[in-house]
Amino acid sequence: MLKIAVIGLGDISNIHIPAIQANPNVELVAVCDIDESLKGTVPEVNFYSNYHTMLEHETLDCVHICLPHDLHYSATKACVEKGVHVFQEKPLARNAEEGMALVKLEEAHPDVKICVSFQNRFNETVEKLQEMVDSGAYGKVIGLKGLVTWFRPKAYYDTKPWRGTMARAGGGVMINQAIHTLDLMQLIGGEIDTIRGSIDNLFDYGYDVEDTATANIQFKNGATGLFFATVTNATNSSVEFQVILEKGKLTIKDSILTTENDEGKKVEVIEDTKLPGSKFYYGASHAKLINHFYTCIENDTDNYIHVKDAQASMEMIGAIRKSSEIRAEVQQ
């Protein structure tokens, strides 16, 4: 039975911990947070306020990193150097440079597995879309569209100020809300040639992270991509992800994958499993990916989402930010 620990008891840990506890083949033995008032919030589990102390005292197989972005590298490094596998929440790091340090860490410890939580890859809609694209039945990809139109009030940043600072978060809407969409765009579109992007702040919250971003993406296979993300919408609308192919159009919206028939009418293909009692955009694939990673640990297999896979989205964010600064396209 795998021994599991969680570092960080913030919002996202409330998705990880139930998934861990629901798996009969693993045991949650420890949690860690610098806020000692959280001691006892996870019953019958050892509590630590320092993860170095936890790593010294506990025999662990896997640690979940559920920390602010600026702590991802240091916490993951500490676990990996102890020989403990890591399930790390997105984003990989604060920026592409820090992400590359994690790529090198992964390469230096080939016997230790690091899985990055891009759980949307495991959504039923995404798995089916990828299968349909890979089949070749619809021809080659000629265009992609990724739209994220959500809302975050000023209180979202005020209650946890790290979210609003470049030094700690590494960015705003791109790295925090829309990174899954960027990940899927490169996963389906393939290698990127150039990016022309623009970032802005439409709300005057007084923080230095962007709340809106747009980009035109040129892929090496000739496809084009449109990316738009904002947290200045009136509400949290459904993410829309569309793939335009030579012989069809595949769209994921409202957690449903549709295609179009010859009359231009939408035909439902598959719908994602919902996670009751959680934010709709979390979906139900966290547990699916977590359990898959545990199986990879037990069987010593490598078909999980590696650091090198997650680095692609960090490079995209960096390119959009740089392009906005220099007002020109950036070669990837």
C-alpha atoms as a PDB file:
ATOM      1  CA  MET A   1       0.000   0.000   0.000  1.00  0.00           C
ATOM      2  CA  LEU A   2       1.416   3.357  -1.068  1.00  0.00           C
ATOM      3  CA  LYS A   3       2.043   5.905   1.689  1.00  0.00           C
ATOM      4  CA  ILE A   4       0.874   9.380   0.630  1.00  0.00           C
ATOM      5  CA  ALA A   5       1.335  12.901   2.015  1.00  0.00           C
ATOM      6  CA  VAL A   6       0.001  16.313   1.001  1.00  0.00           C
ATOM      7  CA  ILE A   7       1.941  19.582   1.293  1.00  0.00           C
ATOM      8  CA  GLY A   8      -0.375  22.594   1.343  1.00  0.00           C
ATOM      9  CA  LEU A   9      -3.928  22.600   2.708  1.00  0.00           C
ATOM     10  CA  GLY A  10      -5.371  25.382   0.559  1.00  0.00           C
ATOM     11  CA  ASP A  11      -8.380  25.227  -1.762  1.00  0.00           C
ATOM     12  CA  ILE A  12      -7.037  22.650  -4.227  1.00  0.00           C
ATOM     13  CA  SER A  13      -6.134  20.174  -1.471  1.00  0.00           C
ATOM     14  CA  ASN A  14      -9.875  19.712  -1.006  1.00  0.00           C
ATOM     15  CA  ILE A  15      -9.893  17.982  -4.391  1.00  0.00           C
ATOM     16  CA  HIS A  16      -6.737  15.934  -3.810  1.00  0.00           C
ATOM     17  CA  ILE A  17      -7.451  14.636  -0.304  1.00  0.00           C
ATOM     18  CA  PRO A  18     -10.866  13.041  -1.034  1.00  0.00           C
ATOM     19  CA  ALA A  19      -9.374  11.375  -4.138  1.00  0.00           C
ATOM     20  CA  ILE A  20      -6.538   9.939  -2.044  1.00  0.00           C
ATOM     21  CA  GLN A  21      -8.881   8.766   0.706  1.00  0.00           C
ATOM     22  CA  ALA A  22     -11.215   7.101  -1.808  1.00  0.00           C
ATOM     23  CA  ASN A  23      -8.453   4.882  -3.183  1.00  0.00           C
ATOM     24  CA  PRO A  24      -8.321   1.614  -1.165  1.00  0.00           C
ATOM     25  CA  ASN A  25      -4.774   0.864  -2.336  1.00  0.00           C
ATOM     26  CA  VAL A  26      -3.136   3.917  -0.765  1.00  0.00           C
ATOM     27  CA  GLU A  27      -2.984   5.501   2.681  1.00  0.00           C
ATOM     28  CA  LEU A  28      -2.844   9.202   3.491  1.00  0.00           C
ATOM     29  CA  VAL A  29      -0.372   9.278   6.362  1.00  0.00           C
ATOM     30  CA  ALA A  30       0.638  12.957   6.645  1.00  0.00           C
ATOM     31  CA  VAL A  31      -0.291  16.503   5.712  1.00  0.00           C
ATOM     32  CA  CYS A  32       1.738  19.695   5.968  1.00  0.00           C
ATOM     33  CA  ASP A  33       0.948  23.408   6.110  1.00  0.00           C
ATOM     34  CA  ILE A  34       2.671  26.387   7.710  1.00  0.00           C
ATOM     35  CA  ASP A  35      -0.699  27.411   9.193  1.00  0.00           C
ATOM     36  CA  GLU A  36      -0.762  25.416  12.419  1.00  0.00           C
ATOM     37  CA  SER A  37      -4.411  26.285  12.989  1.00  0.00           C
ATOM     38  CA  LEU A  38      -5.172  23.692  10.301  1.00  0.00           C
ATOM     39  CA  LYS A  39      -3.913  20.898  12.519  1.00  0.00           C
ATOM     40  CA  GLY A  40      -6.697  18.369  12.969  1.00  0.00           C
ATOM     41  CA  THR A  41      -8.607  19.385   9.841  1.00  0.00           C
ATOM     42  CA  VAL A  42      -7.625  16.047   8.311  1.00  0.00           C
ATOM     43  CA  PRO A  43      -8.445  13.545  11.085  1.00  0.00           C
ATOM     44  CA  GLU A  44      -6.210  10.583  11.964  1.00  0.00           C
ATOM     45  CA  VAL A  45      -3.338  11.913   9.834  1.00  0.00           C
ATOM     46  CA  ASN A  46      -0.001  13.230  11.099  1.00  0.00           C
ATOM     47  CA  PHE A  47       0.286  17.015  10.778  1.00  0.00           C
ATOM     48  CA  TYR A  48       3.513  18.933  10.118  1.00  0.00           C
ATOM     49  CA  SER A  49       4.215  22.633   9.711  1.00  0.00           C
ATOM     50  CA  ASN A  50       7.549  22.039   7.944  1.00  0.00           C
ATOM     51  CA  TYR A  51       7.795  19.687   4.984  1.00  0.00           C
ATOM     52  CA  HIS A  52      11.502  19.026   5.552  1.00  0.00           C
ATOM     53  CA  THR A  53      10.603  17.662   8.993  1.00  0.00           C
ATOM     54  CA  MET A  54       7.839  15.572   7.445  1.00  0.00           C
ATOM     55  CA  LEU A  55      10.213  14.093   4.868  1.00  0.00           C
ATOM     56  CA  GLU A  56      12.663  13.191   7.638  1.00  0.00           C
ATOM     57  CA  HIS A  57      10.086  11.509   9.882  1.00  0.00           C
ATOM     58  CA  GLU A  58       7.727   9.803   7.436  1.00  0.00           C
ATOM     59  CA  THR A  59       8.318   6.902   5.043  1.00  0.00           C
ATOM     60  CA  LEU A  60       6.542   8.084   1.924  1.00  0.00           C
ATOM     61  CA  ASP A  61       5.939   6.817  -1.594  1.00  0.00           C
ATOM     62  CA  CYS A  62       4.313   9.932  -3.057  1.00  0.00           C
ATOM     63  CA  VAL A  63       3.768  13.539  -2.018  1.00  0.00           C
ATOM     64  CA  HIS A  64       1.130  15.853  -3.480  1.00  0.00           C
ATOM     65  CA  ILE A  65       2.326  19.452  -3.879  1.00  0.00           C
ATOM     66  CA  CYS A  66      -0.651  21.821  -3.411  1.00  0.00           C
ATOM     67  CA  LEU A  67       1.266  25.030  -2.741  1.00  0.00           C
ATOM     68  CA  PRO A  68       1.456  28.559  -4.179  1.00  0.00           C
ATOM     69  CA  HIS A  69       3.383  28.640  -7.441  1.00  0.00           C
ATOM     70  CA  ASP A  70       6.614  30.052  -6.056  1.00  0.00           C
ATOM     71  CA  LEU A  71       6.998  27.023  -3.767  1.00  0.00           C
ATOM     72  CA  HIS A  72       6.524  24.329  -6.412  1.00  0.00           C
ATOM     73  CA  TYR A  73      10.179  24.032  -7.373  1.00  0.00           C
ATOM     74  CA  SER A  74      11.653  23.964  -3.875  1.00  0.00           C
ATOM     75  CA  ALA A  75       9.082  21.512  -2.471  1.00  0.00           C
ATOM     76  CA  THR A  76       9.284  19.192  -5.475  1.00  0.00           C
ATOM     77  CA  LYS A  77      13.095  19.281  -5.358  1.00  0.00           C
ATOM     78  CA  ALA A  78      13.101  18.379  -1.651  1.00  0.00           C
ATOM     79  CA  CYS A  79      10.849  15.372  -2.264  1.00  0.00           C
ATOM     80  CA  VAL A  80      12.678  14.137  -5.352  1.00  0.00           C
ATOM     81  CA  GLU A  81      16.065  14.344  -3.650  1.00  0.00           C
ATOM     82  CA  LYS A  82      14.611  12.119  -0.905  1.00  0.00           C
ATOM     83  CA  GLY A  83      13.583   9.599  -3.560  1.00  0.00           C
ATOM     84  CA  VAL A  84       9.861  10.335  -3.099  1.00  0.00           C
ATOM     85  CA  HIS A  85       7.554  10.463  -6.142  1.00  0.00           C
ATOM     86  CA  VAL A  86       5.651  13.726  -6.648  1.00  0.00           C
ATOM     87  CA  PHE A  87       2.172  14.600  -7.872  1.00  0.00           C
ATOM     88  CA  GLN A  88       2.446  18.351  -8.467  1.00  0.00           C
ATOM     89  CA  GLU A  89      -0.422  20.746  -9.012  1.00  0.00           C
ATOM     90  CA  LYS A  90      -0.272  23.028 -12.023  1.00  0.00           C
ATOM     91  CA  PRO A  91       1.430  25.200 -13.037  1.00  0.00           C
ATOM     92  CA  LEU A  92       4.800  23.539 -13.336  1.00  0.00           C
ATOM     93  CA  ALA A  93       6.540  26.688 -12.048  1.00  0.00           C
ATOM     94  CA  ARG A  94       6.360  30.488 -12.124  1.00  0.00           C
ATOM     95  CA  ASN A  95       8.016  30.803 -15.516  1.00  0.00           C
ATOM     96  CA  ALA A  96       9.779  28.871 -18.261  1.00  0.00           C
ATOM     97  CA  GLU A  97      13.210  29.304 -16.695  1.00  0.00           C
ATOM     98  CA  GLU A  98      12.093  27.781 -13.397  1.00  0.00           C
ATOM     99  CA  GLY A  99      10.244  25.117 -15.354  1.00  0.00           C
ATOM    100  CA  MET A 100      13.476  24.188 -17.127  1.00  0.00           C
ATOM    101  CA  ALA A 101      15.143  23.733 -13.744  1.00  0.00           C
ATOM    102  CA  LEU A 102      12.438  21.165 -12.955  1.00  0.00           C
ATOM    103  CA  VAL A 103      13.019  19.479 -16.332  1.00  0.00           C
ATOM    104  CA  LYS A 104      16.686  19.108 -15.389  1.00  0.00           C
ATOM    105  CA  LEU A 105      15.688  17.824 -11.941  1.00  0.00           C
ATOM    106  CA  GLU A 106      13.506  15.174 -13.595  1.00  0.00           C
ATOM    107  CA  GLU A 107      16.325  14.173 -15.932  1.00  0.00           C
ATOM    108  CA  ALA A 108      18.798  13.923 -13.028  1.00  0.00           C
ATOM    109  CA  HIS A 109      16.517  11.542 -11.082  1.00  0.00           C
ATOM    110  CA  PRO A 110      15.155   9.055 -13.645  1.00  0.00           C
ATOM    111  CA  ASP A 111      13.988   6.657 -10.917  1.00  0.00           C
ATOM    112  CA  VAL A 112      11.733   9.255  -9.294  1.00  0.00           C
ATOM    113  CA  LYS A 113       8.460  10.101 -11.004  1.00  0.00           C
ATOM    114  CA  ILE A 114       6.993  13.629 -11.162  1.00  0.00           C
ATOM    115  CA  CYS A 115       3.458  13.940 -12.520  1.00  0.00           C
ATOM    116  CA  VAL A 116       2.033  17.407 -13.230  1.00  0.00           C
ATOM    117  CA  SER A 117      -1.708  17.848 -12.745  1.00  0.00           C
ATOM    118  CA  PHE A 118      -2.997  18.617 -16.221  1.00  0.00           C
ATOM    119  CA  GLN A 119      -6.032  16.517 -15.414  1.00  0.00           C
ATOM    120  CA  ASN A 120      -8.109  17.930 -18.269  1.00  0.00           C
ATOM    121  CA  ARG A 121      -6.137  15.662 -20.595  1.00  0.00           C
ATOM    122  CA  PHE A 122      -8.012  12.828 -18.860  1.00  0.00           C
ATOM    123  CA  ASN A 123     -11.472  14.301 -19.438  1.00  0.00           C
ATOM    124  CA  GLU A 124     -13.620  11.954 -21.522  1.00  0.00           C
ATOM    125  CA  THR A 125     -14.238  14.736 -24.051  1.00  0.00           C
ATOM    126  CA  VAL A 126     -10.527  15.431 -24.517  1.00  0.00           C
ATOM    127  CA  GLU A 127      -9.594  11.752 -24.746  1.00  0.00           C
ATOM    128  CA  LYS A 128     -12.273  11.206 -27.406  1.00  0.00           C
ATOM    129  CA  LEU A 129     -11.333  14.384 -29.292  1.00  0.00           C
ATOM    130  CA  GLN A 130      -7.698  13.315 -29.399  1.00  0.00           C
ATOM    131  CA  GLU A 131      -8.719   9.853 -30.605  1.00  0.00           C
ATOM    132  CA  MET A 132     -10.832  11.376 -33.393  1.00  0.00           C
ATOM    133  CA  VAL A 133      -8.043  13.739 -34.472  1.00  0.00           C
ATOM    134  CA  ASP A 134      -5.416  10.970 -34.403  1.00  0.00           C
ATOM    135  CA  SER A 135      -7.619   8.646 -36.468  1.00  0.00           C
ATOM    136  CA  GLY A 136      -7.084  10.798 -39.537  1.00  0.00           C
ATOM    137  CA  ALA A 137     -10.725  10.381 -40.544  1.00  0.00           C
ATOM    138  CA  TYR A 138     -11.263  14.147 -40.396  1.00  0.00           C
ATOM    139  CA  GLY A 139      -8.066  15.108 -42.199  1.00  0.00           C
ATOM    140  CA  LYS A 140      -5.351  17.302 -40.780  1.00  0.00           C
ATOM    141  CA  VAL A 141      -5.801  20.034 -38.168  1.00  0.00           C
ATOM    142  CA  ILE A 142      -6.053  23.482 -39.745  1.00  0.00           C
ATOM    143  CA  GLY A 143      -7.107  25.583 -36.740  1.00  0.00           C
ATOM    144  CA  LEU A 144      -7.636  25.610 -32.968  1.00  0.00           C
ATOM    145  CA  LYS A 145      -9.543  27.930 -30.669  1.00  0.00           C
ATOM    146  CA  GLY A 146      -9.284  28.163 -26.902  1.00  0.00           C
ATOM    147  CA  LEU A 147     -11.580  30.557 -25.006  1.00  0.00           C
ATOM    148  CA  VAL A 148     -11.627  31.053 -21.224  1.00  0.00           C
ATOM    149  CA  THR A 149     -14.043  33.757 -20.029  1.00  0.00           C
ATOM    150  CA  TRP A 150     -14.269  33.700 -16.247  1.00  0.00           C
ATOM    151  CA  PHE A 151     -14.638  36.168 -13.389  1.00  0.00           C
ATOM    152  CA  ARG A 152     -12.469  36.775 -10.359  1.00  0.00           C
ATOM    153  CA  PRO A 153     -13.426  39.537  -7.890  1.00  0.00           C
ATOM    154  CA  LYS A 154     -10.833  41.673  -6.156  1.00  0.00           C
ATOM    155  CA  ALA A 155     -11.462  39.624  -3.008  1.00  0.00           C
ATOM    156  CA  TYR A 156      -9.992  36.596  -4.796  1.00  0.00           C
ATOM    157  CA  TYR A 157      -6.603  38.334  -4.714  1.00  0.00           C
ATOM    158  CA  ASP A 158      -7.093  40.244  -1.454  1.00  0.00           C
ATOM    159  CA  THR A 159      -7.729  37.080   0.581  1.00  0.00           C
ATOM    160  CA  LYS A 160      -4.626  35.389  -0.863  1.00  0.00           C
ATOM    161  CA  PRO A 161      -2.348  38.204  -2.045  1.00  0.00           C
ATOM    162  CA  TRP A 162       0.256  35.833  -3.532  1.00  0.00           C
ATOM    163  CA  ARG A 163      -2.165  35.286  -6.419  1.00  0.00           C
ATOM    164  CA  GLY A 164      -1.797  38.912  -7.506  1.00  0.00           C
ATOM    165  CA  THR A 165       2.002  39.186  -7.554  1.00  0.00           C
ATOM    166  CA  MET A 166       4.357  38.228 -10.359  1.00  0.00           C
ATOM    167  CA  ALA A 167       7.024  37.364  -7.767  1.00  0.00           C
ATOM    168  CA  ARG A 168       4.879  34.606  -6.264  1.00  0.00           C
ATOM    169  CA  ALA A 169       2.287  33.606  -8.871  1.00  0.00           C
ATOM    170  CA  GLY A 170       4.325  34.190 -12.021  1.00  0.00           C
ATOM    171  CA  GLY A 171       1.293  35.651 -13.764  1.00  0.00           C
ATOM    172  CA  GLY A 172      -2.472  35.903 -13.698  1.00  0.00           C
ATOM    173  CA  VAL A 173      -5.133  34.475 -15.967  1.00  0.00           C
ATOM    174  CA  MET A 174      -2.682  32.630 -18.224  1.00  0.00           C
ATOM    175  CA  ILE A 175      -0.885  30.688 -15.522  1.00  0.00           C
ATOM    176  CA  ASN A 176      -3.713  30.337 -13.021  1.00  0.00           C
ATOM    177  CA  GLN A 177      -6.958  29.874 -14.951  1.00  0.00           C
ATOM    178  CA  ALA A 178      -6.176  29.241 -18.622  1.00  0.00           C
ATOM    179  CA  ILE A 179      -3.060  27.072 -18.475  1.00  0.00           C
ATOM    180  CA  HIS A 180      -5.099  23.908 -19.080  1.00  0.00           C
ATOM    181  CA  THR A 181      -6.409  25.408 -22.333  1.00  0.00           C
ATOM    182  CA  LEU A 182      -2.896  26.347 -23.463  1.00  0.00           C
ATOM    183  CA  ASP A 183      -1.770  22.814 -22.633  1.00  0.00           C
ATOM    184  CA  LEU A 184      -4.528  21.287 -24.780  1.00  0.00           C
ATOM    185  CA  MET A 185      -3.786  23.639 -27.671  1.00  0.00           C
ATOM    186  CA  GLN A 186      -0.201  22.468 -27.922  1.00  0.00           C
ATOM    187  CA  LEU A 187      -1.154  18.852 -27.203  1.00  0.00           C
ATOM    188  CA  ILE A 188      -3.494  18.758 -30.220  1.00  0.00           C
ATOM    189  CA  GLY A 189      -1.804  21.365 -32.406  1.00  0.00           C
ATOM    190  CA  GLY A 190       1.735  20.047 -32.034  1.00  0.00           C
ATOM    191  CA  GLU A 191       4.976  21.987 -32.075  1.00  0.00           C
ATOM    192  CA  ILE A 192       4.666  25.769 -32.184  1.00  0.00           C
ATOM    193  CA  ASP A 193       6.454  27.992 -34.683  1.00  0.00           C
ATOM    194  CA  THR A 194       5.543  31.530 -33.599  1.00  0.00           C
ATOM    195  CA  ILE A 195       3.296  33.331 -31.109  1.00  0.00           C
ATOM    196  CA  ARG A 196       1.988  36.895 -31.304  1.00  0.00           C
ATOM    197  CA  GLY A 197       0.322  37.844 -28.040  1.00  0.00           C
ATOM    198  CA  SER A 198      -0.983  40.685 -25.923  1.00  0.00           C
ATOM    199  CA  ILE A 199      -1.735  40.921 -22.203  1.00  0.00           C
ATOM    200  CA  ASP A 200      -3.606  43.597 -20.277  1.00  0.00           C
ATOM    201  CA  ASN A 201      -5.440  44.523 -17.104  1.00  0.00           C
ATOM    202  CA  LEU A 202      -9.062  45.472 -17.684  1.00  0.00           C
ATOM    203  CA  PHE A 203      -9.844  45.604 -13.967  1.00  0.00           C
ATOM    204  CA  ASP A 204      -7.990  48.114 -11.822  1.00  0.00           C
ATOM    205  CA  TYR A 205      -7.357  45.833  -8.831  1.00  0.00           C
ATOM    206  CA  GLY A 206      -3.880  47.186  -8.137  1.00  0.00           C
ATOM    207  CA  TYR A 207      -2.095  43.870  -8.670  1.00  0.00           C
ATOM    208  CA  ASP A 208       0.670  43.259 -11.187  1.00  0.00           C
ATOM    209  CA  VAL A 209      -0.611  40.059 -12.815  1.00  0.00           C
ATOM    210  CA  GLU A 210      -2.592  40.151 -16.057  1.00  0.00           C
ATOM    211  CA  ASP A 211      -6.345  39.571 -16.063  1.00  0.00           C
ATOM    212  CA  THR A 212      -6.702  39.278 -19.865  1.00  0.00           C
ATOM    213  CA  ALA A 213      -4.576  37.688 -22.589  1.00  0.00           C
ATOM    214  CA  THR A 214      -4.903  37.041 -26.309  1.00  0.00           C
ATOM    215  CA  ALA A 215      -2.631  35.242 -28.741  1.00  0.00           C
ATOM    216  CA  ASN A 216      -2.328  34.144 -32.344  1.00  0.00           C
ATOM    217  CA  ILE A 217      -0.401  30.882 -32.513  1.00  0.00           C
ATOM    218  CA  GLN A 218       1.244  29.497 -35.638  1.00  0.00           C
ATOM    219  CA  PHE A 219       1.996  25.781 -35.475  1.00  0.00           C
ATOM    220  CA  LYS A 220       4.810  24.105 -37.405  1.00  0.00           C
ATOM    221  CA  ASN A 221       2.312  21.879 -39.217  1.00  0.00           C
ATOM    222  CA  GLY A 222       0.624  24.938 -40.731  1.00  0.00           C
ATOM    223  CA  ALA A 223      -2.328  25.120 -38.331  1.00  0.00           C
ATOM    224  CA  THR A 224      -3.262  28.386 -36.634  1.00  0.00           C
ATOM    225  CA  GLY A 225      -4.548  28.939 -33.116  1.00  0.00           C
ATOM    226  CA  LEU A 226      -6.604  31.632 -31.407  1.00  0.00           C
ATOM    227  CA  PHE A 227      -6.286  31.918 -27.631  1.00  0.00           C
ATOM    228  CA  PHE A 228      -8.318  34.311 -25.497  1.00  0.00           C
ATOM    229  CA  ALA A 229      -8.567  34.306 -21.720  1.00  0.00           C
ATOM    230  CA  THR A 230      -9.964  36.756 -19.188  1.00  0.00           C
ATOM    231  CA  VAL A 231     -11.206  36.869 -15.613  1.00  0.00           C
ATOM    232  CA  THR A 232     -13.200  40.050 -16.263  1.00  0.00           C
ATOM    233  CA  ASN A 233     -16.351  38.343 -17.550  1.00  0.00           C
ATOM    234  CA  ALA A 234     -19.634  38.787 -15.666  1.00  0.00           C
ATOM    235  CA  THR A 235     -19.493  35.150 -14.566  1.00  0.00           C
ATOM    236  CA  ASN A 236     -17.568  31.904 -15.022  1.00  0.00           C
ATOM    237  CA  SER A 237     -18.672  30.768 -18.464  1.00  0.00           C
ATOM    238  CA  SER A 238     -17.809  27.389 -19.931  1.00  0.00           C
ATOM    239  CA  VAL A 239     -14.375  27.004 -21.467  1.00  0.00           C
ATOM    240  CA  GLU A 240     -14.602  26.465 -25.226  1.00  0.00           C
ATOM    241  CA  PHE A 241     -12.010  24.373 -27.039  1.00  0.00           C
ATOM    242  CA  GLN A 242     -12.433  23.842 -30.756  1.00  0.00           C
ATOM    243  CA  VAL A 243     -10.426  21.955 -33.358  1.00  0.00           C
ATOM    244  CA  ILE A 244     -11.095  22.728 -37.012  1.00  0.00           C
ATOM    245  CA  LEU A 245     -10.035  19.964 -39.389  1.00  0.00           C
ATOM    246  CA  GLU A 246     -10.154  19.550 -43.158  1.00  0.00           C
ATOM    247  CA  LYS A 247     -13.280  17.386 -42.925  1.00  0.00           C
ATOM    248  CA  GLY A 248     -14.978  18.511 -39.761  1.00  0.00           C
ATOM    249  CA  LYS A 249     -15.155  20.610 -36.635  1.00  0.00           C
ATOM    250  CA  LEU A 250     -14.851  19.248 -33.084  1.00  0.00           C
ATOM    251  CA  THR A 251     -15.965  21.448 -30.175  1.00  0.00           C
ATOM    252  CA  ILE A 252     -15.841  20.984 -26.412  1.00  0.00           C
ATOM    253  CA  LYS A 253     -18.190  23.326 -24.568  1.00  0.00           C
ATOM    254  CA  ASP A 254     -20.262  22.871 -21.412  1.00  0.00           C
ATOM    255  CA  SER A 255     -18.218  19.684 -20.852  1.00  0.00           C
ATOM    256  CA  ILE A 256     -19.714  18.114 -23.994  1.00  0.00           C
ATOM    257  CA  LEU A 257     -17.852  17.158 -27.172  1.00  0.00           C
ATOM    258  CA  THR A 258     -19.844  17.812 -30.328  1.00  0.00           C
ATOM    259  CA  THR A 259     -19.230  17.528 -34.041  1.00  0.00           C
ATOM    260  CA  GLU A 260     -21.249  18.871 -36.948  1.00  0.00           C
ATOM    261  CA  ASN A 261     -23.190  16.800 -39.460  1.00  0.00           C
ATOM    262  CA  ASP A 262     -23.565  17.618 -43.152  1.00  0.00           C
ATOM    263  CA  GLU A 263     -26.463  19.963 -42.369  1.00  0.00           C
ATOM    264  CA  GLY A 264     -24.338  21.936 -39.917  1.00  0.00           C
ATOM    265  CA  LYS A 265     -26.222  20.655 -36.878  1.00  0.00           C
ATOM    266  CA  LYS A 266     -24.341  19.779 -33.712  1.00  0.00           C
ATOM    267  CA  VAL A 267     -24.133  16.097 -32.828  1.00  0.00           C
ATOM    268  CA  GLU A 268     -23.198  15.148 -29.268  1.00  0.00           C
ATOM    269  CA  VAL A 269     -20.335  12.658 -29.057  1.00  0.00           C
ATOM    270  CA  ILE A 270     -19.591  12.346 -25.326  1.00  0.00           C
ATOM    271  CA  GLU A 271     -19.991  14.259 -22.052  1.00  0.00           C
ATOM    272  CA  ASP A 272     -17.541  14.566 -19.176  1.00  0.00           C
ATOM    273  CA  THR A 273     -18.211  12.988 -15.810  1.00  0.00           C
ATOM    274  CA  LYS A 274     -19.157  15.640 -13.250  1.00  0.00           C
ATOM    275  CA  LEU A 275     -17.694  15.961  -9.756  1.00  0.00           C
ATOM    276  CA  PRO A 276     -20.629  16.589  -7.391  1.00  0.00           C
ATOM    277  CA  GLY A 277     -20.284  19.425  -4.906  1.00  0.00           C
ATOM    278  CA  SER A 278     -17.263  21.092  -6.506  1.00  0.00           C
ATOM    279  CA  LYS A 279     -16.652  24.021  -8.843  1.00  0.00           C
ATOM    280  CA  PHE A 280     -17.885  22.992 -12.286  1.00  0.00           C
ATOM    281  CA  TYR A 281     -14.579  23.771 -13.981  1.00  0.00           C
ATOM    282  CA  TYR A 282     -12.633  21.328 -11.799  1.00  0.00           C
ATOM    283  CA  GLY A 283     -14.305  18.377 -13.533  1.00  0.00           C
ATOM    284  CA  ALA A 284     -13.859  14.846 -12.255  1.00  0.00           C
ATOM    285  CA  SER A 285     -10.492  13.980 -13.770  1.00  0.00           C
ATOM    286  CA  HIS A 286      -8.249  14.924 -10.847  1.00  0.00           C
ATOM    287  CA  ALA A 287      -9.019  11.580  -9.212  1.00  0.00           C
ATOM    288  CA  LYS A 288      -8.650   9.793 -12.535  1.00  0.00           C
ATOM    289  CA  LEU A 289      -5.157  11.200 -13.077  1.00  0.00           C
ATOM    290  CA  ILE A 290      -4.142  10.707  -9.434  1.00  0.00           C
ATOM    291  CA  ASN A 291      -5.161   7.046  -9.494  1.00  0.00           C
ATOM    292  CA  HIS A 292      -3.465   6.576 -12.855  1.00  0.00           C
ATOM    293  CA  PHE A 293      -0.234   7.979 -11.436  1.00  0.00           C
ATOM    294  CA  TYR A 294      -0.400   5.640  -8.449  1.00  0.00           C
ATOM    295  CA  THR A 295      -0.682   2.731 -10.885  1.00  0.00           C
ATOM    296  CA  CYS A 296       2.380   4.031 -12.730  1.00  0.00           C
ATOM    297  CA  ILE A 297       4.289   4.087  -9.431  1.00  0.00           C
ATOM    298  CA  GLU A 298       3.207   0.562  -8.515  1.00  0.00           C
ATOM    299  CA  ASN A 299       3.963  -0.867 -11.978  1.00  0.00           C
ATOM    300  CA  ASP A 300       6.983   1.357 -12.687  1.00  0.00           C
ATOM    301  CA  THR A 301       5.506   2.650 -15.949  1.00  0.00           C
ATOM    302  CA  ASP A 302       5.999   6.069 -17.539  1.00  0.00           C
ATOM    303  CA  ASN A 303       2.720   6.973 -19.274  1.00  0.00           C
ATOM    304  CA  TYR A 304       1.859   9.941 -17.061  1.00  0.00           C
ATOM    305  CA  ILE A 305       2.231  13.719 -17.556  1.00  0.00           C
ATOM    306  CA  HIS A 306       5.934  14.426 -17.128  1.00  0.00           C
ATOM    307  CA  VAL A 307       7.639  17.700 -16.268  1.00  0.00           C
ATOM    308  CA  LYS A 308       8.911  17.925 -19.843  1.00  0.00           C
ATOM    309  CA  ASP A 309       5.296  17.672 -21.066  1.00  0.00           C
ATOM    310  CA  ALA A 310       4.159  20.484 -18.763  1.00  0.00           C
ATOM    311  CA  GLN A 311       7.048  22.730 -19.770  1.00  0.00           C
ATOM    312  CA  ALA A 312       5.402  23.403 -23.140  1.00  0.00           C
ATOM    313  CA  SER A 313       2.670  25.525 -21.515  1.00  0.00           C
ATOM    314  CA  MET A 314       5.287  27.485 -19.570  1.00  0.00           C
ATOM    315  CA  GLU A 315       7.088  28.279 -22.826  1.00  0.00           C
ATOM    316  CA  MET A 316       3.787  29.447 -24.372  1.00  0.00           C
ATOM    317  CA  ILE A 317       3.044  31.781 -21.459  1.00  0.00           C
ATOM    318  CA  GLY A 318       6.564  33.200 -21.627  1.00  0.00           C
ATOM    319  CA  ALA A 319       6.247  33.792 -25.368  1.00  0.00           C
ATOM    320  CA  ILE A 320       2.869  35.558 -25.037  1.00  0.00           C
ATOM    321  CA  ARG A 321       4.255  37.784 -22.291  1.00  0.00           C
ATOM    322  CA  LYS A 322       7.419  38.615 -24.257  1.00  0.00           C
ATOM    323  CA  SER A 323       5.447  39.259 -27.447  1.00  0.00           C
ATOM    324  CA  SER A 324       3.210  41.687 -25.577  1.00  0.00           C
ATOM    325  CA  GLU A 325       6.256  43.526 -24.265  1.00  0.00           C
ATOM    326  CA  ILE A 326       8.064  43.858 -27.619  1.00  0.00           C
ATOM    327  CA  ARG A 327       4.871  44.127 -29.711  1.00  0.00           C
ATOM    328  CA  ALA A 328       6.106  41.538 -32.189  1.00  0.00           C
ATOM    329  CA  GLU A 329       5.796  37.819 -32.784  1.00  0.00           C
ATOM    330  CA  VAL A 330       8.103  35.488 -30.881  1.00  0.00           C
ATOM    331  CA  GLN A 331       9.738  32.398 -32.346  1.00  0.00           C
ATOM    332  CA  GLN A 332       9.323  29.301 -30.196  1.00  0.00           C
END
